[in-house]
Amino acid sequence: MRSASRPTTAPAHPEAPAAPATGPDEASPPEASAAPAPPVAPAAPAAPATGTDAAPAPKGTGRAPSRVRKAAAALGRWLRAAALRSAALVALLALWETAPRLGLVDATFLPPVSEVATAWWDLLGNGQLGQHTRASLARSFGGFGIAVVIAVPLGLLIGWYRPVAALLGPLLEVFRNTAALALLPVFVLLLGIGETSKVSIVVYACLWPVLLNTISAVGNADPTLVRLARSMDLSTPRLFQKVILPSSVPAIFTGIRLAGAVSILVLVAAEMIGAKAGLGYLINASQYNFAIPQMYAGIVTISAVGVAFNQLLVTIERRLSTWRVPA
């Protein structure tokens, strides 16, 4: 009985430990190994952490080439624009150089541009070009400045007050259709052949473009803005300051730029009569002495002065019209 009971209890012992070995203890490891799997997934972003160490290198190396590419693209656009603007001028200079050398024109009356450049350099070196240019600029800018100072206020007055416009309108129509060069002998007879007549003819020639454009600018001011300013009880000076003048700047400067070109052209013609210095005198004297390259050097100098003066006026106009550009 005792020996029979022993074998029955003995197998019960091995069965009891076997159950824990195969039961919950083995079921739990798969769960534990499955549970850490989700943390491993966040560890995958840790790999980008090493990628972030490498990422700055491509970004840093990518920014520099991108800036270089942008600078190269901007330089290319500027070069294309410069080439486009200068293509016609380069073609003219090339034609001017080759036509006399190929016998298409008489080199005696139209020397190559290289000879003209040499003559220009010689005139600059001996001081004649500087002397004549200073004399012309003093007369031209003096007459131009006087014309602007007179024409702009007078144009504002005529354009704003209708009785003044009705009174002076016929007189303006008569004089603005009279060419300045046609009155040059009159100015010489009345004022002599000195500086006064030359400056006066420049003033007369520059007066009309500025005056007429100012009158037109005031007459074309936006009536809605004018009525709005009047409804705010603005005085006439404040109305001109806040409404009329800002809206008139583009048209006024159109007249001023035209007057700048006229001042140089009329002065050259005036300097050919009774002058002892100036670019017009240089051109006329070179023609009489048959110094054709020096004559063309004076003409080129006048063109360069006109282009530079016009560019200066364009820059001033942009400065005064910055309010028109939205912020």
C-alpha atoms as a PDB file:
ATOM      1  CA  MET A   1       0.000   0.000   0.000  1.00  0.00           C
ATOM      2  CA  ARG A   2       2.798   2.362   0.872  1.00  0.00           C
ATOM      3  CA  SER A   3       4.811   1.355  -2.178  1.00  0.00           C
ATOM      4  CA  ALA A   4       1.785   1.830  -4.396  1.00  0.00           C
ATOM      5  CA  SER A   5       1.101   5.212  -2.964  1.00  0.00           C
ATOM      6  CA  ARG A   6       4.655   6.343  -3.577  1.00  0.00           C
ATOM      7  CA  PRO A   7       4.548   5.849  -7.354  1.00  0.00           C
ATOM      8  CA  THR A   8       1.244   7.724  -7.508  1.00  0.00           C
ATOM      9  CA  THR A   9       2.601  10.728  -5.651  1.00  0.00           C
ATOM     10  CA  ALA A  10       5.928  10.682  -7.488  1.00  0.00           C
ATOM     11  CA  PRO A  11       4.462  11.287 -10.929  1.00  0.00           C
ATOM     12  CA  ALA A  12       2.349  14.084  -9.460  1.00  0.00           C
ATOM     13  CA  HIS A  13       5.553  15.882  -8.536  1.00  0.00           C
ATOM     14  CA  PRO A  14       7.067  15.869 -12.018  1.00  0.00           C
ATOM     15  CA  GLU A  15       3.775  16.952 -13.529  1.00  0.00           C
ATOM     16  CA  ALA A  16       3.520  19.963 -11.246  1.00  0.00           C
ATOM     17  CA  PRO A  17       6.941  21.429 -12.195  1.00  0.00           C
ATOM     18  CA  ALA A  18       6.306  20.560 -15.857  1.00  0.00           C
ATOM     19  CA  ALA A  19       3.224  22.698 -15.940  1.00  0.00           C
ATOM     20  CA  PRO A  20       5.052  25.873 -14.806  1.00  0.00           C
ATOM     21  CA  ALA A  21       7.869  25.147 -17.263  1.00  0.00           C
ATOM     22  CA  THR A  22       5.595  24.957 -20.250  1.00  0.00           C
ATOM     23  CA  GLY A  23       2.825  27.137 -18.945  1.00  0.00           C
ATOM     24  CA  PRO A  24       3.022  30.730 -17.927  1.00  0.00           C
ATOM     25  CA  ASP A  25       6.833  30.875 -17.842  1.00  0.00           C
ATOM     26  CA  GLU A  26       7.126  30.099 -21.539  1.00  0.00           C
ATOM     27  CA  ALA A  27       4.102  32.126 -22.531  1.00  0.00           C
ATOM     28  CA  SER A  28       5.506  35.222 -20.885  1.00  0.00           C
ATOM     29  CA  PRO A  29       8.811  35.343 -22.835  1.00  0.00           C
ATOM     30  CA  PRO A  30       7.053  35.655 -26.200  1.00  0.00           C
ATOM     31  CA  GLU A  31       4.963  38.467 -24.743  1.00  0.00           C
ATOM     32  CA  ALA A  32       8.057  40.124 -23.350  1.00  0.00           C
ATOM     33  CA  SER A  33       9.879  39.792 -26.674  1.00  0.00           C
ATOM     34  CA  ALA A  34       6.834  41.142 -28.495  1.00  0.00           C
ATOM     35  CA  ALA A  35       6.505  44.044 -26.096  1.00  0.00           C
ATOM     36  CA  PRO A  36      10.022  45.430 -26.662  1.00  0.00           C
ATOM     37  CA  ALA A  37       9.347  45.401 -30.407  1.00  0.00           C
ATOM     38  CA  PRO A  38       7.403  48.686 -30.254  1.00  0.00           C
ATOM     39  CA  PRO A  39      10.302  50.451 -28.490  1.00  0.00           C
ATOM     40  CA  VAL A  40      12.564  49.173 -31.278  1.00  0.00           C
ATOM     41  CA  ALA A  41      10.327  50.955 -33.758  1.00  0.00           C
ATOM     42  CA  PRO A  42      11.007  54.331 -32.072  1.00  0.00           C
ATOM     43  CA  ALA A  43      14.653  53.330 -32.126  1.00  0.00           C
ATOM     44  CA  ALA A  44      14.353  53.442 -35.912  1.00  0.00           C
ATOM     45  CA  PRO A  45      13.972  57.228 -35.705  1.00  0.00           C
ATOM     46  CA  ALA A  46      17.241  57.079 -33.803  1.00  0.00           C
ATOM     47  CA  ALA A  47      18.785  56.054 -37.129  1.00  0.00           C
ATOM     48  CA  PRO A  48      17.727  59.448 -38.538  1.00  0.00           C
ATOM     49  CA  ALA A  49      19.599  60.850 -35.570  1.00  0.00           C
ATOM     50  CA  THR A  50      22.723  59.535 -37.218  1.00  0.00           C
ATOM     51  CA  GLY A  51      21.232  60.776 -40.491  1.00  0.00           C
ATOM     52  CA  THR A  52      20.826  64.195 -38.937  1.00  0.00           C
ATOM     53  CA  ASP A  53      24.524  64.210 -38.324  1.00  0.00           C
ATOM     54  CA  ALA A  54      25.048  63.573 -42.008  1.00  0.00           C
ATOM     55  CA  ALA A  55      22.117  65.788 -43.037  1.00  0.00           C
ATOM     56  CA  PRO A  56      23.762  69.120 -42.154  1.00  0.00           C
ATOM     57  CA  ALA A  57      26.607  68.300 -44.508  1.00  0.00           C
ATOM     58  CA  PRO A  58      24.350  68.022 -47.574  1.00  0.00           C
ATOM     59  CA  LYS A  59      22.357  71.049 -46.439  1.00  0.00           C
ATOM     60  CA  GLY A  60      25.440  73.100 -45.806  1.00  0.00           C
ATOM     61  CA  THR A  61      27.024  71.975 -49.004  1.00  0.00           C
ATOM     62  CA  GLY A  62      23.728  72.500 -50.836  1.00  0.00           C
ATOM     63  CA  ARG A  63      23.279  76.109 -49.727  1.00  0.00           C
ATOM     64  CA  ALA A  64      26.630  77.267 -50.978  1.00  0.00           C
ATOM     65  CA  PRO A  65      26.125  75.876 -54.479  1.00  0.00           C
ATOM     66  CA  SER A  66      22.602  77.282 -54.524  1.00  0.00           C
ATOM     67  CA  ARG A  67      23.945  80.743 -53.701  1.00  0.00           C
ATOM     68  CA  VAL A  68      26.631  80.370 -56.297  1.00  0.00           C
ATOM     69  CA  ARG A  69      24.025  79.307 -58.851  1.00  0.00           C
ATOM     70  CA  LYS A  70      21.831  82.289 -57.991  1.00  0.00           C
ATOM     71  CA  ALA A  71      24.769  84.676 -58.286  1.00  0.00           C
ATOM     72  CA  ALA A  72      25.778  83.096 -61.581  1.00  0.00           C
ATOM     73  CA  ALA A  73      22.202  83.366 -62.870  1.00  0.00           C
ATOM     74  CA  ALA A  74      21.993  87.034 -61.830  1.00  0.00           C
ATOM     75  CA  LEU A  75      25.344  87.741 -63.481  1.00  0.00           C
ATOM     76  CA  GLY A  76      24.182  85.977 -66.627  1.00  0.00           C
ATOM     77  CA  ARG A  77      20.986  88.021 -66.759  1.00  0.00           C
ATOM     78  CA  TRP A  78      22.952  91.240 -66.264  1.00  0.00           C
ATOM     79  CA  LEU A  79      25.409  90.309 -68.994  1.00  0.00           C
ATOM     80  CA  ARG A  80      22.572  89.467 -71.396  1.00  0.00           C
ATOM     81  CA  ALA A  81      20.826  92.753 -70.647  1.00  0.00           C
ATOM     82  CA  ALA A  82      24.084  94.702 -71.074  1.00  0.00           C
ATOM     83  CA  ALA A  83      24.808  92.906 -74.329  1.00  0.00           C
ATOM     84  CA  LEU A  84      21.290  93.642 -75.568  1.00  0.00           C
ATOM     85  CA  ARG A  85      21.546  97.331 -74.679  1.00  0.00           C
ATOM     86  CA  SER A  86      24.988  97.765 -76.186  1.00  0.00           C
ATOM     87  CA  ALA A  87      24.521  95.615 -79.293  1.00  0.00           C
ATOM     88  CA  ALA A  88      23.298  98.483 -81.482  1.00  0.00           C
ATOM     89  CA  LEU A  89      26.039 100.819 -80.236  1.00  0.00           C
ATOM     90  CA  VAL A  90      28.750  98.214 -80.826  1.00  0.00           C
ATOM     91  CA  ALA A  91      27.366  97.572 -84.316  1.00  0.00           C
ATOM     92  CA  LEU A  92      27.441 101.319 -85.065  1.00  0.00           C
ATOM     93  CA  LEU A  93      31.044 101.629 -83.887  1.00  0.00           C
ATOM     94  CA  ALA A  94      32.058  98.573 -85.894  1.00  0.00           C
ATOM     95  CA  LEU A  95      30.402 100.009 -89.011  1.00  0.00           C
ATOM     96  CA  TRP A  96      32.025 103.382 -88.373  1.00  0.00           C
ATOM     97  CA  GLU A  97      35.448 101.749 -88.119  1.00  0.00           C
ATOM     98  CA  THR A  98      35.170  99.447 -91.109  1.00  0.00           C
ATOM     99  CA  ALA A  99      33.304 101.640 -93.616  1.00  0.00           C
ATOM    100  CA  PRO A 100      36.126 104.192 -94.131  1.00  0.00           C
ATOM    101  CA  ARG A 101      38.793 101.479 -94.185  1.00  0.00           C
ATOM    102  CA  LEU A 102      36.931  99.464 -96.809  1.00  0.00           C
ATOM    103  CA  GLY A 103      36.406 102.535 -98.982  1.00  0.00           C
ATOM    104  CA  LEU A 104      32.628 102.608 -98.556  1.00  0.00           C
ATOM    105  CA  VAL A 105      32.874 106.280 -97.532  1.00  0.00           C
ATOM    106  CA  ASP A 106      35.597 108.875 -97.927  1.00  0.00           C
ATOM    107  CA  ALA A 107      37.927 108.600 -94.927  1.00  0.00           C
ATOM    108  CA  THR A 108      38.761 112.304 -95.312  1.00  0.00           C
ATOM    109  CA  PHE A 109      35.251 113.338 -94.282  1.00  0.00           C
ATOM    110  CA  LEU A 110      34.410 110.361 -92.056  1.00  0.00           C
ATOM    111  CA  PRO A 111      37.590 109.063 -90.423  1.00  0.00           C
ATOM    112  CA  PRO A 112      37.522 105.717 -88.589  1.00  0.00           C
ATOM    113  CA  VAL A 113      36.394 105.766 -85.016  1.00  0.00           C
ATOM    114  CA  SER A 114      39.896 104.821 -83.846  1.00  0.00           C
ATOM    115  CA  GLU A 115      41.262 108.079 -85.278  1.00  0.00           C
ATOM    116  CA  VAL A 116      38.438 110.010 -83.628  1.00  0.00           C
ATOM    117  CA  ALA A 117      39.270 108.332 -80.308  1.00  0.00           C
ATOM    118  CA  THR A 118      42.927 109.287 -80.731  1.00  0.00           C
ATOM    119  CA  ALA A 119      41.976 112.900 -81.447  1.00  0.00           C
ATOM    120  CA  TRP A 120      39.645 112.911 -78.434  1.00  0.00           C
ATOM    121  CA  TRP A 121      42.447 111.636 -76.206  1.00  0.00           C
ATOM    122  CA  ASP A 122      44.843 114.293 -77.525  1.00  0.00           C
ATOM    123  CA  LEU A 123      42.290 117.043 -76.847  1.00  0.00           C
ATOM    124  CA  LEU A 124      41.781 115.706 -73.351  1.00  0.00           C
ATOM    125  CA  GLY A 125      45.506 115.523 -72.736  1.00  0.00           C
ATOM    126  CA  ASN A 126      46.285 119.097 -73.784  1.00  0.00           C
ATOM    127  CA  GLY A 127      43.338 120.470 -71.765  1.00  0.00           C
ATOM    128  CA  GLN A 128      41.310 121.864 -74.654  1.00  0.00           C
ATOM    129  CA  LEU A 129      38.474 119.377 -74.264  1.00  0.00           C
ATOM    130  CA  GLY A 130      38.099 120.101 -70.559  1.00  0.00           C
ATOM    131  CA  GLN A 131      38.115 123.844 -71.137  1.00  0.00           C
ATOM    132  CA  HIS A 132      35.452 123.727 -73.849  1.00  0.00           C
ATOM    133  CA  THR A 133      33.304 121.236 -71.919  1.00  0.00           C
ATOM    134  CA  ARG A 134      33.340 123.356 -68.750  1.00  0.00           C
ATOM    135  CA  ALA A 135      32.324 126.451 -70.703  1.00  0.00           C
ATOM    136  CA  SER A 136      29.423 124.648 -72.375  1.00  0.00           C
ATOM    137  CA  LEU A 137      28.213 123.002 -69.174  1.00  0.00           C
ATOM    138  CA  ALA A 138      28.224 126.315 -67.301  1.00  0.00           C
ATOM    139  CA  ARG A 139      26.073 127.970 -69.955  1.00  0.00           C
ATOM    140  CA  SER A 140      23.800 124.994 -70.487  1.00  0.00           C
ATOM    141  CA  PHE A 141      23.169 124.185 -66.830  1.00  0.00           C
ATOM    142  CA  GLY A 142      22.800 127.874 -65.969  1.00  0.00           C
ATOM    143  CA  GLY A 143      20.120 128.470 -68.588  1.00  0.00           C
ATOM    144  CA  PHE A 144      18.453 125.137 -67.824  1.00  0.00           C
ATOM    145  CA  GLY A 145      18.256 125.887 -64.094  1.00  0.00           C
ATOM    146  CA  ILE A 146      16.811 129.364 -64.660  1.00  0.00           C
ATOM    147  CA  ALA A 147      14.185 127.927 -67.023  1.00  0.00           C
ATOM    148  CA  VAL A 148      13.104 125.264 -64.518  1.00  0.00           C
ATOM    149  CA  VAL A 149      12.872 127.784 -61.666  1.00  0.00           C
ATOM    150  CA  ILE A 150      10.655 130.039 -63.799  1.00  0.00           C
ATOM    151  CA  ALA A 151       8.581 127.464 -65.673  1.00  0.00           C
ATOM    152  CA  VAL A 152       7.482 125.134 -62.855  1.00  0.00           C
ATOM    153  CA  PRO A 153       5.810 127.779 -60.599  1.00  0.00           C
ATOM    154  CA  LEU A 154       4.399 129.581 -63.624  1.00  0.00           C
ATOM    155  CA  GLY A 155       3.004 126.332 -64.999  1.00  0.00           C
ATOM    156  CA  LEU A 156       1.399 125.494 -61.663  1.00  0.00           C
ATOM    157  CA  LEU A 157      -0.161 128.944 -61.548  1.00  0.00           C
ATOM    158  CA  ILE A 158      -1.483 128.809 -65.109  1.00  0.00           C
ATOM    159  CA  GLY A 159      -2.729 125.263 -64.779  1.00  0.00           C
ATOM    160  CA  TRP A 160      -4.576 125.898 -61.516  1.00  0.00           C
ATOM    161  CA  TYR A 161      -6.142 129.325 -62.085  1.00  0.00           C
ATOM    162  CA  ARG A 162      -8.317 129.417 -65.178  1.00  0.00           C
ATOM    163  CA  PRO A 163      -8.376 133.252 -65.527  1.00  0.00           C
ATOM    164  CA  VAL A 164      -4.578 133.278 -65.718  1.00  0.00           C
ATOM    165  CA  ALA A 165      -4.680 130.516 -68.334  1.00  0.00           C
ATOM    166  CA  ALA A 166      -7.251 132.412 -70.365  1.00  0.00           C
ATOM    167  CA  LEU A 167      -5.146 135.585 -70.177  1.00  0.00           C
ATOM    168  CA  LEU A 168      -1.764 134.049 -71.074  1.00  0.00           C
ATOM    169  CA  GLY A 169      -2.964 131.226 -73.325  1.00  0.00           C
ATOM    170  CA  PRO A 170      -2.799 133.074 -76.683  1.00  0.00           C
ATOM    171  CA  LEU A 171       0.595 134.550 -75.864  1.00  0.00           C
ATOM    172  CA  LEU A 172       1.961 131.106 -74.986  1.00  0.00           C
ATOM    173  CA  GLU A 173       0.668 129.662 -78.228  1.00  0.00           C
ATOM    174  CA  VAL A 174       2.498 132.333 -80.237  1.00  0.00           C
ATOM    175  CA  PHE A 175       5.869 131.941 -78.561  1.00  0.00           C
ATOM    176  CA  ARG A 176       5.904 128.188 -78.147  1.00  0.00           C
ATOM    177  CA  ASN A 177       5.544 127.772 -81.911  1.00  0.00           C
ATOM    178  CA  THR A 178       8.491 130.072 -82.580  1.00  0.00           C
ATOM    179  CA  ALA A 179      11.754 128.143 -82.843  1.00  0.00           C
ATOM    180  CA  ALA A 180      14.508 129.251 -80.511  1.00  0.00           C
ATOM    181  CA  LEU A 181      17.155 129.166 -83.230  1.00  0.00           C
ATOM    182  CA  ALA A 182      15.021 131.456 -85.348  1.00  0.00           C
ATOM    183  CA  LEU A 183      15.288 134.055 -82.568  1.00  0.00           C
ATOM    184  CA  LEU A 184      19.028 133.603 -82.112  1.00  0.00           C
ATOM    185  CA  PRO A 185      19.920 136.646 -84.275  1.00  0.00           C
ATOM    186  CA  VAL A 186      17.441 138.685 -82.252  1.00  0.00           C
ATOM    187  CA  PHE A 187      19.076 137.665 -78.970  1.00  0.00           C
ATOM    188  CA  VAL A 188      22.515 138.469 -80.406  1.00  0.00           C
ATOM    189  CA  LEU A 189      21.371 141.898 -81.615  1.00  0.00           C
ATOM    190  CA  LEU A 190      19.664 142.775 -78.338  1.00  0.00           C
ATOM    191  CA  LEU A 191      22.099 141.214 -75.857  1.00  0.00           C
ATOM    192  CA  GLY A 192      25.355 141.061 -77.783  1.00  0.00           C
ATOM    193  CA  ILE A 193      27.595 138.124 -78.510  1.00  0.00           C
ATOM    194  CA  GLY A 194      28.673 137.591 -74.899  1.00  0.00           C
ATOM    195  CA  GLU A 195      27.499 135.120 -72.297  1.00  0.00           C
ATOM    196  CA  THR A 196      24.147 136.835 -71.731  1.00  0.00           C
ATOM    197  CA  SER A 197      22.768 136.074 -75.175  1.00  0.00           C
ATOM    198  CA  LYS A 198      23.863 132.434 -75.025  1.00  0.00           C
ATOM    199  CA  VAL A 199      22.340 131.806 -71.604  1.00  0.00           C
ATOM    200  CA  SER A 200      19.183 133.677 -72.597  1.00  0.00           C
ATOM    201  CA  ILE A 201      18.621 131.571 -75.717  1.00  0.00           C
ATOM    202  CA  VAL A 202      19.002 128.436 -73.572  1.00  0.00           C
ATOM    203  CA  VAL A 203      16.469 129.783 -71.073  1.00  0.00           C
ATOM    204  CA  TYR A 204      14.014 130.526 -73.843  1.00  0.00           C
ATOM    205  CA  ALA A 205      14.413 127.110 -75.450  1.00  0.00           C
ATOM    206  CA  CYS A 206      14.094 125.205 -72.151  1.00  0.00           C
ATOM    207  CA  LEU A 207      11.173 127.233 -70.855  1.00  0.00           C
ATOM    208  CA  TRP A 208       8.476 125.821 -73.114  1.00  0.00           C
ATOM    209  CA  PRO A 209       8.820 122.054 -72.589  1.00  0.00           C
ATOM    210  CA  VAL A 210       8.807 122.469 -68.804  1.00  0.00           C
ATOM    211  CA  LEU A 211       6.012 125.052 -68.801  1.00  0.00           C
ATOM    212  CA  LEU A 212       3.647 123.156 -71.101  1.00  0.00           C
ATOM    213  CA  ASN A 213       4.158 119.822 -69.347  1.00  0.00           C
ATOM    214  CA  THR A 214       3.569 121.432 -65.945  1.00  0.00           C
ATOM    215  CA  ILE A 215       0.333 123.041 -67.136  1.00  0.00           C
ATOM    216  CA  SER A 216      -0.830 119.715 -68.543  1.00  0.00           C
ATOM    217  CA  ALA A 217       0.099 117.865 -65.339  1.00  0.00           C
ATOM    218  CA  VAL A 218      -1.916 120.232 -63.151  1.00  0.00           C
ATOM    219  CA  GLY A 219      -4.898 120.089 -65.484  1.00  0.00           C
ATOM    220  CA  ASN A 220      -4.847 116.287 -65.480  1.00  0.00           C
ATOM    221  CA  ALA A 221      -4.712 115.885 -61.704  1.00  0.00           C
ATOM    222  CA  ASP A 222      -7.183 113.344 -60.355  1.00  0.00           C
ATOM    223  CA  PRO A 223     -10.382 115.327 -59.593  1.00  0.00           C
ATOM    224  CA  THR A 224     -11.473 112.766 -57.004  1.00  0.00           C
ATOM    225  CA  LEU A 225      -8.329 113.374 -54.969  1.00  0.00           C
ATOM    226  CA  VAL A 226      -8.734 117.120 -55.351  1.00  0.00           C
ATOM    227  CA  ARG A 227     -12.335 117.009 -54.112  1.00  0.00           C
ATOM    228  CA  LEU A 228     -11.340 114.755 -51.238  1.00  0.00           C
ATOM    229  CA  ALA A 229      -8.556 117.133 -50.212  1.00  0.00           C
ATOM    230  CA  ARG A 230     -10.932 120.071 -50.367  1.00  0.00           C
ATOM    231  CA  SER A 231     -13.487 118.237 -48.265  1.00  0.00           C
ATOM    232  CA  MET A 232     -10.785 117.963 -45.588  1.00  0.00           C
ATOM    233  CA  ASP A 233     -10.465 121.779 -45.598  1.00  0.00           C
ATOM    234  CA  LEU A 234      -6.878 121.748 -46.841  1.00  0.00           C
ATOM    235  CA  SER A 235      -5.471 125.130 -47.745  1.00  0.00           C
ATOM    236  CA  THR A 236      -4.244 125.757 -51.273  1.00  0.00           C
ATOM    237  CA  PRO A 237      -0.530 125.416 -50.368  1.00  0.00           C
ATOM    238  CA  ARG A 238      -1.236 122.133 -48.557  1.00  0.00           C
ATOM    239  CA  LEU A 239      -3.343 120.950 -51.480  1.00  0.00           C
ATOM    240  CA  PHE A 240      -0.450 121.574 -53.842  1.00  0.00           C
ATOM    241  CA  GLN A 241       1.984 119.899 -51.473  1.00  0.00           C
ATOM    242  CA  LYS A 242      -0.081 116.763 -50.808  1.00  0.00           C
ATOM    243  CA  VAL A 243      -1.998 116.207 -54.051  1.00  0.00           C
ATOM    244  CA  ILE A 244      -1.043 118.339 -57.041  1.00  0.00           C
ATOM    245  CA  LEU A 245       2.746 118.184 -56.903  1.00  0.00           C
ATOM    246  CA  PRO A 246       3.078 114.427 -56.220  1.00  0.00           C
ATOM    247  CA  SER A 247       0.699 113.554 -59.047  1.00  0.00           C
ATOM    248  CA  SER A 248       2.434 116.023 -61.400  1.00  0.00           C
ATOM    249  CA  VAL A 249       6.006 114.813 -60.874  1.00  0.00           C
ATOM    250  CA  PRO A 250       6.116 112.338 -63.818  1.00  0.00           C
ATOM    251  CA  ALA A 251       4.745 114.804 -66.374  1.00  0.00           C
ATOM    252  CA  ILE A 252       6.891 117.664 -65.070  1.00  0.00           C
ATOM    253  CA  PHE A 253      10.023 115.563 -65.289  1.00  0.00           C
ATOM    254  CA  THR A 254       9.149 114.575 -68.818  1.00  0.00           C
ATOM    255  CA  GLY A 255       9.304 118.252 -69.708  1.00  0.00           C
ATOM    256  CA  ILE A 256      12.490 118.712 -67.682  1.00  0.00           C
ATOM    257  CA  ARG A 257      14.204 115.859 -69.539  1.00  0.00           C
ATOM    258  CA  LEU A 258      13.156 117.340 -72.870  1.00  0.00           C
ATOM    259  CA  ALA A 259      14.481 120.697 -71.738  1.00  0.00           C
ATOM    260  CA  GLY A 260      17.790 119.101 -70.733  1.00  0.00           C
ATOM    261  CA  ALA A 261      18.295 117.773 -74.245  1.00  0.00           C
ATOM    262  CA  VAL A 262      17.213 121.071 -75.804  1.00  0.00           C
ATOM    263  CA  SER A 263      19.595 123.053 -73.604  1.00  0.00           C
ATOM    264  CA  ILE A 264      22.636 121.256 -75.037  1.00  0.00           C
ATOM    265  CA  LEU A 265      21.470 121.311 -78.656  1.00  0.00           C
ATOM    266  CA  VAL A 266      20.543 124.986 -78.679  1.00  0.00           C
ATOM    267  CA  LEU A 267      23.723 125.944 -76.865  1.00  0.00           C
ATOM    268  CA  VAL A 268      25.908 124.261 -79.469  1.00  0.00           C
ATOM    269  CA  ALA A 269      24.218 126.325 -82.166  1.00  0.00           C
ATOM    270  CA  ALA A 270      24.589 129.486 -80.097  1.00  0.00           C
ATOM    271  CA  GLU A 271      28.277 128.824 -79.454  1.00  0.00           C
ATOM    272  CA  MET A 272      28.943 128.692 -83.184  1.00  0.00           C
ATOM    273  CA  ILE A 273      28.244 132.426 -83.345  1.00  0.00           C
ATOM    274  CA  GLY A 274      30.667 134.735 -81.611  1.00  0.00           C
ATOM    275  CA  ALA A 275      31.952 132.319 -78.956  1.00  0.00           C
ATOM    276  CA  LYS A 276      35.574 131.864 -77.922  1.00  0.00           C
ATOM    277  CA  ALA A 277      35.083 128.619 -75.962  1.00  0.00           C
ATOM    278  CA  GLY A 278      32.619 125.755 -75.776  1.00  0.00           C
ATOM    279  CA  LEU A 279      31.946 122.508 -77.570  1.00  0.00           C
ATOM    280  CA  GLY A 280      30.053 124.299 -80.314  1.00  0.00           C
ATOM    281  CA  TYR A 281      33.030 126.579 -80.835  1.00  0.00           C
ATOM    282  CA  LEU A 282      35.341 123.526 -80.925  1.00  0.00           C
ATOM    283  CA  ILE A 283      33.219 121.849 -83.603  1.00  0.00           C
ATOM    284  CA  ASN A 284      32.964 124.983 -85.695  1.00  0.00           C
ATOM    285  CA  ALA A 285      36.668 125.831 -85.438  1.00  0.00           C
ATOM    286  CA  SER A 286      37.674 122.252 -86.259  1.00  0.00           C
ATOM    287  CA  GLN A 287      35.509 122.358 -89.363  1.00  0.00           C
ATOM    288  CA  TYR A 288      37.092 125.605 -90.569  1.00  0.00           C
ATOM    289  CA  ASN A 289      40.589 124.238 -89.926  1.00  0.00           C
ATOM    290  CA  PHE A 290      39.671 120.946 -91.590  1.00  0.00           C
ATOM    291  CA  ALA A 291      40.540 119.030 -88.401  1.00  0.00           C
ATOM    292  CA  ILE A 292      37.834 116.461 -89.008  1.00  0.00           C
ATOM    293  CA  PRO A 293      38.768 113.977 -86.219  1.00  0.00           C
ATOM    294  CA  GLN A 294      38.671 116.822 -83.659  1.00  0.00           C
ATOM    295  CA  MET A 295      35.269 117.863 -85.005  1.00  0.00           C
ATOM    296  CA  TYR A 296      33.877 114.365 -84.476  1.00  0.00           C
ATOM    297  CA  ALA A 297      35.513 114.245 -81.045  1.00  0.00           C
ATOM    298  CA  GLY A 298      33.498 117.321 -80.059  1.00  0.00           C
ATOM    299  CA  ILE A 299      30.307 115.764 -81.410  1.00  0.00           C
ATOM    300  CA  VAL A 300      30.916 112.554 -79.448  1.00  0.00           C
ATOM    301  CA  THR A 301      31.555 114.585 -76.300  1.00  0.00           C
ATOM    302  CA  ILE A 302      28.241 116.422 -76.713  1.00  0.00           C
ATOM    303  CA  SER A 303      26.425 113.097 -77.079  1.00  0.00           C
ATOM    304  CA  ALA A 304      28.093 111.690 -73.970  1.00  0.00           C
ATOM    305  CA  VAL A 305      27.207 114.805 -71.947  1.00  0.00           C
ATOM    306  CA  GLY A 306      23.585 114.599 -73.100  1.00  0.00           C
ATOM    307  CA  VAL A 307      23.285 110.907 -72.155  1.00  0.00           C
ATOM    308  CA  ALA A 308      24.837 111.500 -68.712  1.00  0.00           C
ATOM    309  CA  PHE A 309      22.599 114.518 -68.050  1.00  0.00           C
ATOM    310  CA  ASN A 310      19.478 112.594 -69.031  1.00  0.00           C
ATOM    311  CA  GLN A 311      20.454 109.690 -66.770  1.00  0.00           C
ATOM    312  CA  LEU A 312      20.933 112.110 -63.885  1.00  0.00           C
ATOM    313  CA  LEU A 313      17.442 113.517 -64.422  1.00  0.00           C
ATOM    314  CA  VAL A 314      15.978 109.985 -64.573  1.00  0.00           C
ATOM    315  CA  THR A 315      17.624 109.160 -61.240  1.00  0.00           C
ATOM    316  CA  ILE A 316      16.229 112.309 -59.621  1.00  0.00           C
ATOM    317  CA  GLU A 317      12.762 111.535 -60.984  1.00  0.00           C
ATOM    318  CA  ARG A 318      12.871 108.038 -59.476  1.00  0.00           C
ATOM    319  CA  ARG A 319      13.883 109.482 -56.127  1.00  0.00           C
ATOM    320  CA  LEU A 320      10.984 111.925 -56.166  1.00  0.00           C
ATOM    321  CA  SER A 321       8.502 109.273 -57.345  1.00  0.00           C
ATOM    322  CA  THR A 322       9.252 106.584 -54.745  1.00  0.00           C
ATOM    323  CA  TRP A 323       5.859 107.230 -53.158  1.00  0.00           C
ATOM    324  CA  ARG A 324       4.227 105.655 -56.206  1.00  0.00           C
ATOM    325  CA  VAL A 325       5.868 102.280 -55.520  1.00  0.00           C
ATOM    326  CA  PRO A 326       3.777 100.201 -53.089  1.00  0.00           C
ATOM    327  CA  ALA A 327       5.581  99.252 -49.891  1.00  0.00           C
END
